[in-house]
Amino acid sequence: MSVFLYNSNEQRQLRRLPRDLIRARELLRDLVSKNLRVRYRYAVMGFLWAIIEPLALMLVLTFIFTFIFSGRVPVPGQEGTPFAVSLLCGLIFWQFTAAALTSATQSLIDNQNLVKKVHFAREVVPIAATGYPLVNLGIGLVILVGLHLGLGGIIGPSFVYVFVVFSIHLMILVGLALLLAVANVIYRDIGYMVGVAVIFGFYASPVFYPLEFVTRASDLPWYPWLVRLYLLNPMAELLTAYRQVLFEGRFPDLWLLAWPAVLGVCLLAIGAYVSRRVGPTLSDYL
């Protein structure tokens, strides 16, 4: 077995990151597997909770908007798509985002014994934390496609565009995961801030309403500035892009992908740089 030793200055070099991640691929796989086992270890129904959670929330919100608010507010579904299907699409991708960010922020602290005792690329830990929610997302996507087809929808070859949107989505999450995980080790308030941001983001993203509800014209003079501020949230564009691919059967509008793609590249670069620079000294804070 070969052993790789290098000093802190070498460990801070950004160019070493891809090579270090490749070397730690088995650890990455083990951490993802461990996170899954810990999450469902004492759950009798196990992975069924990955199905129950989004479906339960979908049923509650569908009941609220189609019965309680019926006739008072327009039902916020994607045009030509049942509200329940459009809602489930927003829920599964938002819950993936929330779970990935929450777990990644706490990942280095939760694995502090490993971080303090073993030399490896610290980036593996937050990346693994964003990896295990992928299982729940995959299950949710299967349910979404089945529900869409069961209610008369069509899934065509354009489904492959989901992976284009998802690659941008994942790039943003990995960049944020690297940045937040390191920041939370140094400033423990970050974990609480992420919890608040996840709750706020649920309502500030078109999870249970279409983006058109926000961007439509208004007589208020300051409203265009509010819309611009709202669109700084990349999930506003990404959730709309997912719906265009799945329900309209086409490549999403380019303006929906432009800002998230630029943001994703920037966050990934900043997250990798910060993680590389601070990584060798993380044990001092843990």
C-alpha atoms as a PDB file:
ATOM      1  CA  MET A   1       0.000   0.000   0.000  1.00  0.00           C
ATOM      2  CA  SER A   2       1.417   3.373  -0.994  1.00  0.00           C
ATOM      3  CA  VAL A   3       1.337   6.256   1.464  1.00  0.00           C
ATOM      4  CA  PHE A   4       1.215   9.898   0.420  1.00  0.00           C
ATOM      5  CA  LEU A   5       2.749  12.427   2.789  1.00  0.00           C
ATOM      6  CA  TYR A   6       2.959  16.157   2.216  1.00  0.00           C
ATOM      7  CA  ASN A   7       3.213  19.251   4.381  1.00  0.00           C
ATOM      8  CA  SER A   8       0.558  21.891   5.051  1.00  0.00           C
ATOM      9  CA  ASN A   9       1.788  24.182   2.287  1.00  0.00           C
ATOM     10  CA  GLU A  10       1.346  21.423  -0.272  1.00  0.00           C
ATOM     11  CA  GLN A  11      -2.032  20.509   1.186  1.00  0.00           C
ATOM     12  CA  ARG A  12      -3.220  24.085   0.594  1.00  0.00           C
ATOM     13  CA  GLN A  13      -2.485  23.923  -3.126  1.00  0.00           C
ATOM     14  CA  LEU A  14      -5.690  24.049  -5.131  1.00  0.00           C
ATOM     15  CA  ARG A  15      -4.219  22.050  -8.002  1.00  0.00           C
ATOM     16  CA  ARG A  16      -3.898  19.015  -5.714  1.00  0.00           C
ATOM     17  CA  LEU A  17      -7.633  18.877  -5.018  1.00  0.00           C
ATOM     18  CA  PRO A  18      -8.742  16.640  -7.946  1.00  0.00           C
ATOM     19  CA  ARG A  19      -5.912  14.192  -7.257  1.00  0.00           C
ATOM     20  CA  ASP A  20      -6.641  14.126  -3.524  1.00  0.00           C
ATOM     21  CA  LEU A  21     -10.336  13.484  -4.127  1.00  0.00           C
ATOM     22  CA  ILE A  22      -9.521  10.585  -6.446  1.00  0.00           C
ATOM     23  CA  ARG A  23      -7.256   9.068  -3.825  1.00  0.00           C
ATOM     24  CA  ALA A  24      -9.993   9.413  -1.210  1.00  0.00           C
ATOM     25  CA  ARG A  25     -12.767   7.953  -3.380  1.00  0.00           C
ATOM     26  CA  GLU A  26     -13.182   4.884  -1.156  1.00  0.00           C
ATOM     27  CA  LEU A  27     -13.532   7.094   1.908  1.00  0.00           C
ATOM     28  CA  LEU A  28     -16.109   9.171   0.046  1.00  0.00           C
ATOM     29  CA  ARG A  29     -18.135   6.053  -0.723  1.00  0.00           C
ATOM     30  CA  ASP A  30     -17.894   4.841   2.874  1.00  0.00           C
ATOM     31  CA  LEU A  31     -19.014   8.198   4.272  1.00  0.00           C
ATOM     32  CA  VAL A  32     -22.051   8.307   1.992  1.00  0.00           C
ATOM     33  CA  SER A  33     -22.937   4.752   3.016  1.00  0.00           C
ATOM     34  CA  LYS A  34     -22.453   5.605   6.699  1.00  0.00           C
ATOM     35  CA  ASN A  35     -24.670   8.699   6.448  1.00  0.00           C
ATOM     36  CA  LEU A  36     -27.441   6.614   4.917  1.00  0.00           C
ATOM     37  CA  ARG A  37     -27.189   3.936   7.592  1.00  0.00           C
ATOM     38  CA  VAL A  38     -27.189   6.480  10.423  1.00  0.00           C
ATOM     39  CA  ARG A  39     -30.221   8.313   9.010  1.00  0.00           C
ATOM     40  CA  TYR A  40     -32.398   5.210   8.749  1.00  0.00           C
ATOM     41  CA  ARG A  41     -30.779   2.932  11.351  1.00  0.00           C
ATOM     42  CA  TYR A  42     -33.646   2.931  13.849  1.00  0.00           C
ATOM     43  CA  ALA A  43     -36.460   3.685  11.408  1.00  0.00           C
ATOM     44  CA  VAL A  44     -38.792   0.701  11.049  1.00  0.00           C
ATOM     45  CA  MET A  45     -39.875   1.746   7.559  1.00  0.00           C
ATOM     46  CA  GLY A  46     -36.361   2.743   6.485  1.00  0.00           C
ATOM     47  CA  PHE A  47     -36.183   4.222   3.000  1.00  0.00           C
ATOM     48  CA  LEU A  48     -39.979   4.416   2.830  1.00  0.00           C
ATOM     49  CA  TRP A  49     -39.628   7.725   4.657  1.00  0.00           C
ATOM     50  CA  ALA A  50     -37.974   9.105   1.524  1.00  0.00           C
ATOM     51  CA  ILE A  51     -41.347   8.470  -0.160  1.00  0.00           C
ATOM     52  CA  ILE A  52     -43.640   9.407   2.717  1.00  0.00           C
ATOM     53  CA  GLU A  53     -42.146  12.822   3.537  1.00  0.00           C
ATOM     54  CA  PRO A  54     -42.589  14.574   0.158  1.00  0.00           C
ATOM     55  CA  LEU A  55     -45.919  12.846  -0.500  1.00  0.00           C
ATOM     56  CA  ALA A  56     -47.315  13.881   2.882  1.00  0.00           C
ATOM     57  CA  LEU A  57     -46.311  17.508   2.375  1.00  0.00           C
ATOM     58  CA  MET A  58     -47.674  17.420  -1.163  1.00  0.00           C
ATOM     59  CA  LEU A  59     -51.042  16.140   0.056  1.00  0.00           C
ATOM     60  CA  VAL A  60     -51.253  18.796   2.785  1.00  0.00           C
ATOM     61  CA  LEU A  61     -50.440  21.701   0.467  1.00  0.00           C
ATOM     62  CA  THR A  62     -52.686  20.319  -2.277  1.00  0.00           C
ATOM     63  CA  PHE A  63     -55.574  20.153   0.197  1.00  0.00           C
ATOM     64  CA  ILE A  64     -54.922  23.716   1.358  1.00  0.00           C
ATOM     65  CA  PHE A  65     -54.817  25.257  -2.108  1.00  0.00           C
ATOM     66  CA  THR A  66     -57.527  23.185  -3.795  1.00  0.00           C
ATOM     67  CA  PHE A  67     -60.085  23.141  -0.955  1.00  0.00           C
ATOM     68  CA  ILE A  68     -59.408  25.769   1.707  1.00  0.00           C
ATOM     69  CA  PHE A  69     -58.252  28.491  -0.717  1.00  0.00           C
ATOM     70  CA  SER A  70     -60.508  27.340  -3.567  1.00  0.00           C
ATOM     71  CA  GLY A  71     -62.063  30.360  -5.262  1.00  0.00           C
ATOM     72  CA  ARG A  72     -60.043  32.814  -3.150  1.00  0.00           C
ATOM     73  CA  VAL A  73     -56.651  32.536  -4.810  1.00  0.00           C
ATOM     74  CA  PRO A  74     -55.661  30.980  -8.152  1.00  0.00           C
ATOM     75  CA  VAL A  75     -54.360  27.447  -7.814  1.00  0.00           C
ATOM     76  CA  PRO A  76     -50.602  27.859  -8.414  1.00  0.00           C
ATOM     77  CA  GLY A  77     -49.854  24.976 -10.756  1.00  0.00           C
ATOM     78  CA  GLN A  78     -47.719  24.869 -13.894  1.00  0.00           C
ATOM     79  CA  GLU A  79     -49.843  25.637 -16.922  1.00  0.00           C
ATOM     80  CA  GLY A  80     -51.487  22.440 -18.179  1.00  0.00           C
ATOM     81  CA  THR A  81     -50.059  20.389 -15.302  1.00  0.00           C
ATOM     82  CA  PRO A  82     -51.984  19.206 -12.228  1.00  0.00           C
ATOM     83  CA  PHE A  83     -51.077  21.219  -9.148  1.00  0.00           C
ATOM     84  CA  ALA A  84     -50.058  18.101  -7.184  1.00  0.00           C
ATOM     85  CA  VAL A  85     -47.494  17.131  -9.830  1.00  0.00           C
ATOM     86  CA  SER A  86     -46.052  20.642 -10.132  1.00  0.00           C
ATOM     87  CA  LEU A  87     -45.893  20.864  -6.335  1.00  0.00           C
ATOM     88  CA  LEU A  88     -44.149  17.502  -5.943  1.00  0.00           C
ATOM     89  CA  CYS A  89     -41.538  18.587  -8.494  1.00  0.00           C
ATOM     90  CA  GLY A  90     -40.719  21.646  -6.431  1.00  0.00           C
ATOM     91  CA  LEU A  91     -40.733  19.700  -3.173  1.00  0.00           C
ATOM     92  CA  ILE A  92     -38.327  16.912  -4.099  1.00  0.00           C
ATOM     93  CA  PHE A  93     -35.698  19.254  -5.512  1.00  0.00           C
ATOM     94  CA  TRP A  94     -36.060  21.724  -2.646  1.00  0.00           C
ATOM     95  CA  GLN A  95     -35.866  18.986   0.001  1.00  0.00           C
ATOM     96  CA  PHE A  96     -32.726  17.677  -1.677  1.00  0.00           C
ATOM     97  CA  THR A  97     -31.233  21.175  -1.522  1.00  0.00           C
ATOM     98  CA  ALA A  98     -32.218  21.688   2.121  1.00  0.00           C
ATOM     99  CA  ALA A  99     -30.949  18.261   3.234  1.00  0.00           C
ATOM    100  CA  ALA A 100     -27.647  18.656   1.374  1.00  0.00           C
ATOM    101  CA  LEU A 101     -26.887  22.106   2.786  1.00  0.00           C
ATOM    102  CA  THR A 102     -27.966  21.261   6.332  1.00  0.00           C
ATOM    103  CA  SER A 103     -25.977  18.039   6.543  1.00  0.00           C
ATOM    104  CA  ALA A 104     -22.916  19.501   4.782  1.00  0.00           C
ATOM    105  CA  THR A 105     -22.778  22.471   7.164  1.00  0.00           C
ATOM    106  CA  GLN A 106     -22.537  20.130  10.172  1.00  0.00           C
ATOM    107  CA  SER A 107     -20.474  17.444   8.449  1.00  0.00           C
ATOM    108  CA  LEU A 108     -16.988  18.410   9.621  1.00  0.00           C
ATOM    109  CA  ILE A 109     -18.172  18.822  13.213  1.00  0.00           C
ATOM    110  CA  ASP A 110     -20.063  15.526  13.140  1.00  0.00           C
ATOM    111  CA  ASN A 111     -16.939  13.793  11.816  1.00  0.00           C
ATOM    112  CA  GLN A 112     -14.432  15.640  13.977  1.00  0.00           C
ATOM    113  CA  ASN A 113     -12.856  12.444  15.327  1.00  0.00           C
ATOM    114  CA  LEU A 114     -12.022  11.398  11.781  1.00  0.00           C
ATOM    115  CA  VAL A 115     -10.786  14.856  10.827  1.00  0.00           C
ATOM    116  CA  LYS A 116      -8.525  15.143  13.869  1.00  0.00           C
ATOM    117  CA  LYS A 117      -6.976  11.678  13.614  1.00  0.00           C
ATOM    118  CA  VAL A 118      -6.638  10.900   9.891  1.00  0.00           C
ATOM    119  CA  HIS A 119      -4.900  12.811   7.099  1.00  0.00           C
ATOM    120  CA  PHE A 120      -7.091  13.025   4.004  1.00  0.00           C
ATOM    121  CA  ALA A 121      -8.675  15.635   1.766  1.00  0.00           C
ATOM    122  CA  ARG A 122     -11.105  17.434   4.084  1.00  0.00           C
ATOM    123  CA  GLU A 123     -13.340  18.258   1.116  1.00  0.00           C
ATOM    124  CA  VAL A 124     -14.463  14.629   1.068  1.00  0.00           C
ATOM    125  CA  VAL A 125     -16.594  15.096   4.196  1.00  0.00           C
ATOM    126  CA  PRO A 126     -18.932  17.893   2.986  1.00  0.00           C
ATOM    127  CA  ILE A 127     -19.089  16.379  -0.498  1.00  0.00           C
ATOM    128  CA  ALA A 128     -20.204  13.068   1.023  1.00  0.00           C
ATOM    129  CA  ALA A 129     -22.846  14.959   3.016  1.00  0.00           C
ATOM    130  CA  THR A 130     -24.303  16.303  -0.230  1.00  0.00           C
ATOM    131  CA  GLY A 131     -24.138  12.821  -1.758  1.00  0.00           C
ATOM    132  CA  TYR A 132     -26.455  10.829   0.484  1.00  0.00           C
ATOM    133  CA  PRO A 133     -29.565  13.032  -0.180  1.00  0.00           C
ATOM    134  CA  LEU A 134     -29.160  11.980  -3.809  1.00  0.00           C
ATOM    135  CA  VAL A 135     -30.751   8.646  -2.874  1.00  0.00           C
ATOM    136  CA  ASN A 136     -33.883  10.393  -1.606  1.00  0.00           C
ATOM    137  CA  LEU A 137     -33.916  12.597  -4.692  1.00  0.00           C
ATOM    138  CA  GLY A 138     -33.721   9.563  -6.962  1.00  0.00           C
ATOM    139  CA  ILE A 139     -36.650   7.912  -5.169  1.00  0.00           C
ATOM    140  CA  GLY A 140     -38.631  11.139  -5.307  1.00  0.00           C
ATOM    141  CA  LEU A 141     -37.946  11.578  -9.019  1.00  0.00           C
ATOM    142  CA  VAL A 142     -39.256   8.075  -9.733  1.00  0.00           C
ATOM    143  CA  ILE A 143     -42.451   8.908  -7.801  1.00  0.00           C
ATOM    144  CA  LEU A 144     -42.793  12.213  -9.663  1.00  0.00           C
ATOM    145  CA  VAL A 145     -42.462  10.582 -13.079  1.00  0.00           C
ATOM    146  CA  GLY A 146     -44.931   7.848 -12.099  1.00  0.00           C
ATOM    147  CA  LEU A 147     -47.482  10.377 -10.823  1.00  0.00           C
ATOM    148  CA  HIS A 148     -47.052  12.541 -13.915  1.00  0.00           C
ATOM    149  CA  LEU A 149     -47.604   9.585 -16.230  1.00  0.00           C
ATOM    150  CA  GLY A 150     -50.505   8.304 -14.119  1.00  0.00           C
ATOM    151  CA  LEU A 151     -52.317  11.640 -14.456  1.00  0.00           C
ATOM    152  CA  GLY A 152     -51.984  11.663 -18.229  1.00  0.00           C
ATOM    153  CA  GLY A 153     -48.660  13.430 -18.643  1.00  0.00           C
ATOM    154  CA  ILE A 154     -45.922  12.521 -21.114  1.00  0.00           C
ATOM    155  CA  ILE A 155     -42.198  12.015 -20.536  1.00  0.00           C
ATOM    156  CA  GLY A 156     -40.220  12.301 -23.778  1.00  0.00           C
ATOM    157  CA  PRO A 157     -36.561  12.338 -24.856  1.00  0.00           C
ATOM    158  CA  SER A 158     -36.266  15.846 -23.417  1.00  0.00           C
ATOM    159  CA  PHE A 159     -36.035  14.207 -19.991  1.00  0.00           C
ATOM    160  CA  VAL A 160     -32.260  14.042 -20.493  1.00  0.00           C
ATOM    161  CA  TYR A 161     -32.167  17.828 -20.074  1.00  0.00           C
ATOM    162  CA  VAL A 162     -32.880  17.240 -16.390  1.00  0.00           C
ATOM    163  CA  PHE A 163     -29.235  16.247 -16.021  1.00  0.00           C
ATOM    164  CA  VAL A 164     -28.110  19.550 -17.563  1.00  0.00           C
ATOM    165  CA  VAL A 165     -30.119  21.488 -14.986  1.00  0.00           C
ATOM    166  CA  PHE A 166     -29.037  19.143 -12.213  1.00  0.00           C
ATOM    167  CA  SER A 167     -25.337  19.547 -13.020  1.00  0.00           C
ATOM    168  CA  ILE A 168     -25.672  23.295 -12.418  1.00  0.00           C
ATOM    169  CA  HIS A 169     -27.741  22.640  -9.300  1.00  0.00           C
ATOM    170  CA  LEU A 170     -25.135  20.230  -7.912  1.00  0.00           C
ATOM    171  CA  MET A 171     -22.287  22.613  -8.683  1.00  0.00           C
ATOM    172  CA  ILE A 172     -23.958  25.292  -6.544  1.00  0.00           C
ATOM    173  CA  LEU A 173     -24.582  22.847  -3.703  1.00  0.00           C
ATOM    174  CA  VAL A 174     -21.028  21.471  -3.635  1.00  0.00           C
ATOM    175  CA  GLY A 175     -19.572  24.983  -3.662  1.00  0.00           C
ATOM    176  CA  LEU A 176     -21.833  26.058  -0.797  1.00  0.00           C
ATOM    177  CA  ALA A 177     -21.174  22.802   1.075  1.00  0.00           C
ATOM    178  CA  LEU A 178     -17.399  23.337   1.022  1.00  0.00           C
ATOM    179  CA  LEU A 179     -17.747  26.957   2.095  1.00  0.00           C
ATOM    180  CA  LEU A 180     -20.370  26.452   4.816  1.00  0.00           C
ATOM    181  CA  ALA A 181     -18.728  23.362   6.320  1.00  0.00           C
ATOM    182  CA  VAL A 182     -15.441  25.195   6.862  1.00  0.00           C
ATOM    183  CA  ALA A 183     -17.142  28.390   8.063  1.00  0.00           C
ATOM    184  CA  ASN A 184     -19.236  26.434  10.573  1.00  0.00           C
ATOM    185  CA  VAL A 185     -16.145  24.912  12.153  1.00  0.00           C
ATOM    186  CA  ILE A 186     -14.755  28.390  12.847  1.00  0.00           C
ATOM    187  CA  TYR A 187     -18.053  30.191  13.514  1.00  0.00           C
ATOM    188  CA  ARG A 188     -20.676  27.860  14.968  1.00  0.00           C
ATOM    189  CA  ASP A 189     -23.401  30.457  14.314  1.00  0.00           C
ATOM    190  CA  ILE A 190     -23.307  29.427  10.642  1.00  0.00           C
ATOM    191  CA  GLY A 191     -25.253  26.257  11.415  1.00  0.00           C
ATOM    192  CA  TYR A 192     -28.111  28.262  12.932  1.00  0.00           C
ATOM    193  CA  MET A 193     -28.029  30.722  10.036  1.00  0.00           C
ATOM    194  CA  VAL A 194     -28.346  27.888   7.516  1.00  0.00           C
ATOM    195  CA  GLY A 195     -31.356  26.521   9.403  1.00  0.00           C
ATOM    196  CA  VAL A 196     -33.090  29.904   9.182  1.00  0.00           C
ATOM    197  CA  ALA A 197     -32.063  30.328   5.527  1.00  0.00           C
ATOM    198  CA  VAL A 198     -33.580  26.947   4.610  1.00  0.00           C
ATOM    199  CA  ILE A 199     -36.944  27.941   6.103  1.00  0.00           C
ATOM    200  CA  PHE A 200     -36.823  31.347   4.404  1.00  0.00           C
ATOM    201  CA  GLY A 201     -35.716  29.810   1.112  1.00  0.00           C
ATOM    202  CA  PHE A 202     -38.719  27.471   1.026  1.00  0.00           C
ATOM    203  CA  TYR A 203     -41.045  30.463   0.719  1.00  0.00           C
ATOM    204  CA  ALA A 204     -38.623  32.565  -1.329  1.00  0.00           C
ATOM    205  CA  SER A 205     -38.415  29.857  -4.011  1.00  0.00           C
ATOM    206  CA  PRO A 206     -41.214  28.776  -6.376  1.00  0.00           C
ATOM    207  CA  VAL A 207     -41.751  25.457  -4.616  1.00  0.00           C
ATOM    208  CA  PHE A 208     -45.557  25.602  -4.365  1.00  0.00           C
ATOM    209  CA  TYR A 209     -46.191  28.455  -6.807  1.00  0.00           C
ATOM    210  CA  PRO A 210     -44.906  29.206 -10.327  1.00  0.00           C
ATOM    211  CA  LEU A 211     -42.286  31.857 -10.994  1.00  0.00           C
ATOM    212  CA  GLU A 212     -44.834  33.792 -13.049  1.00  0.00           C
ATOM    213  CA  PHE A 213     -46.666  34.719  -9.842  1.00  0.00           C
ATOM    214  CA  VAL A 214     -43.613  36.778  -8.860  1.00  0.00           C
ATOM    215  CA  THR A 215     -42.502  38.177 -12.222  1.00  0.00           C
ATOM    216  CA  ARG A 216     -45.925  39.340 -13.428  1.00  0.00           C
ATOM    217  CA  ALA A 217     -46.408  43.093 -13.739  1.00  0.00           C
ATOM    218  CA  SER A 218     -47.355  45.192 -10.748  1.00  0.00           C
ATOM    219  CA  ASP A 219     -48.323  48.854 -10.306  1.00  0.00           C
ATOM    220  CA  LEU A 220     -45.961  49.269  -7.364  1.00  0.00           C
ATOM    221  CA  PRO A 221     -42.962  51.436  -8.421  1.00  0.00           C
ATOM    222  CA  TRP A 222     -40.445  49.431  -6.386  1.00  0.00           C
ATOM    223  CA  TYR A 223     -41.732  46.027  -7.494  1.00  0.00           C
ATOM    224  CA  PRO A 224     -39.219  45.521 -10.387  1.00  0.00           C
ATOM    225  CA  TRP A 225     -36.371  45.886  -7.900  1.00  0.00           C
ATOM    226  CA  LEU A 226     -38.010  43.327  -5.636  1.00  0.00           C
ATOM    227  CA  VAL A 227     -38.245  40.898  -8.570  1.00  0.00           C
ATOM    228  CA  ARG A 228     -34.539  41.392  -9.352  1.00  0.00           C
ATOM    229  CA  LEU A 229     -33.702  40.693  -5.731  1.00  0.00           C
ATOM    230  CA  TYR A 230     -35.912  37.592  -5.770  1.00  0.00           C
ATOM    231  CA  LEU A 231     -34.200  36.261  -8.912  1.00  0.00           C
ATOM    232  CA  LEU A 232     -30.811  36.364  -7.191  1.00  0.00           C
ATOM    233  CA  ASN A 233     -31.972  33.145  -5.543  1.00  0.00           C
ATOM    234  CA  PRO A 234     -30.771  30.494  -8.041  1.00  0.00           C
ATOM    235  CA  MET A 235     -33.465  28.045  -6.922  1.00  0.00           C
ATOM    236  CA  ALA A 236     -36.082  30.348  -8.452  1.00  0.00           C
ATOM    237  CA  GLU A 237     -34.615  29.717 -11.904  1.00  0.00           C
ATOM    238  CA  LEU A 238     -33.641  26.075 -11.344  1.00  0.00           C
ATOM    239  CA  LEU A 239     -37.041  24.899 -10.090  1.00  0.00           C
ATOM    240  CA  THR A 240     -38.692  26.613 -13.066  1.00  0.00           C
ATOM    241  CA  ALA A 241     -36.171  24.992 -15.414  1.00  0.00           C
ATOM    242  CA  TYR A 242     -36.923  21.541 -13.973  1.00  0.00           C
ATOM    243  CA  ARG A 243     -40.647  22.087 -14.583  1.00  0.00           C
ATOM    244  CA  GLN A 244     -40.068  23.229 -18.152  1.00  0.00           C
ATOM    245  CA  VAL A 245     -38.063  20.093 -18.903  1.00  0.00           C
ATOM    246  CA  LEU A 246     -40.438  17.645 -17.199  1.00  0.00           C
ATOM    247  CA  PHE A 247     -43.823  19.152 -18.013  1.00  0.00           C
ATOM    248  CA  GLU A 248     -43.270  21.177 -21.178  1.00  0.00           C
ATOM    249  CA  GLY A 249     -40.898  18.679 -22.802  1.00  0.00           C
ATOM    250  CA  ARG A 250     -38.272  21.175 -23.919  1.00  0.00           C
ATOM    251  CA  PHE A 251     -34.895  22.620 -23.081  1.00  0.00           C
ATOM    252  CA  PRO A 252     -35.332  25.312 -20.411  1.00  0.00           C
ATOM    253  CA  ASP A 253     -35.057  28.984 -21.269  1.00  0.00           C
ATOM    254  CA  LEU A 254     -31.401  29.982 -21.324  1.00  0.00           C
ATOM    255  CA  TRP A 255     -31.956  32.915 -18.973  1.00  0.00           C
ATOM    256  CA  LEU A 256     -33.060  30.415 -16.334  1.00  0.00           C
ATOM    257  CA  LEU A 257     -29.674  28.692 -16.490  1.00  0.00           C
ATOM    258  CA  ALA A 258     -27.329  31.644 -17.069  1.00  0.00           C
ATOM    259  CA  TRP A 259     -27.240  33.130 -13.547  1.00  0.00           C
ATOM    260  CA  PRO A 260     -27.225  29.761 -11.694  1.00  0.00           C
ATOM    261  CA  ALA A 261     -24.378  28.544 -13.946  1.00  0.00           C
ATOM    262  CA  VAL A 262     -22.243  31.638 -13.307  1.00  0.00           C
ATOM    263  CA  LEU A 263     -23.013  31.473  -9.588  1.00  0.00           C
ATOM    264  CA  GLY A 264     -22.218  27.760  -9.495  1.00  0.00           C
ATOM    265  CA  VAL A 265     -18.779  28.221 -11.058  1.00  0.00           C
ATOM    266  CA  CYS A 266     -17.978  31.078  -8.667  1.00  0.00           C
ATOM    267  CA  LEU A 267     -19.182  29.212  -5.572  1.00  0.00           C
ATOM    268  CA  LEU A 268     -17.319  26.049  -6.539  1.00  0.00           C
ATOM    269  CA  ALA A 269     -14.094  27.999  -7.062  1.00  0.00           C
ATOM    270  CA  ILE A 270     -14.470  29.975  -3.814  1.00  0.00           C
ATOM    271  CA  GLY A 271     -15.506  26.921  -1.812  1.00  0.00           C
ATOM    272  CA  ALA A 272     -12.577  24.862  -3.086  1.00  0.00           C
ATOM    273  CA  TYR A 273     -10.108  27.701  -2.449  1.00  0.00           C
ATOM    274  CA  VAL A 274     -11.323  28.371   1.096  1.00  0.00           C
ATOM    275  CA  SER A 275     -11.433  24.681   1.938  1.00  0.00           C
ATOM    276  CA  ARG A 276      -7.888  24.176   0.661  1.00  0.00           C
ATOM    277  CA  ARG A 277      -6.542  27.167   2.560  1.00  0.00           C
ATOM    278  CA  VAL A 278      -8.216  26.384   5.879  1.00  0.00           C
ATOM    279  CA  GLY A 279      -8.236  22.576   5.659  1.00  0.00           C
ATOM    280  CA  PRO A 280      -4.837  21.916   7.297  1.00  0.00           C
ATOM    281  CA  THR A 281      -5.788  23.959  10.392  1.00  0.00           C
ATOM    282  CA  LEU A 282      -9.348  22.657  10.903  1.00  0.00           C
ATOM    283  CA  SER A 283      -8.205  20.294  13.662  1.00  0.00           C
ATOM    284  CA  ASP A 284      -7.209  23.310  15.732  1.00  0.00           C
ATOM    285  CA  TYR A 285     -10.822  24.519  15.781  1.00  0.00           C
ATOM    286  CA  LEU A 286     -12.437  21.138  16.453  1.00  0.00           C
END
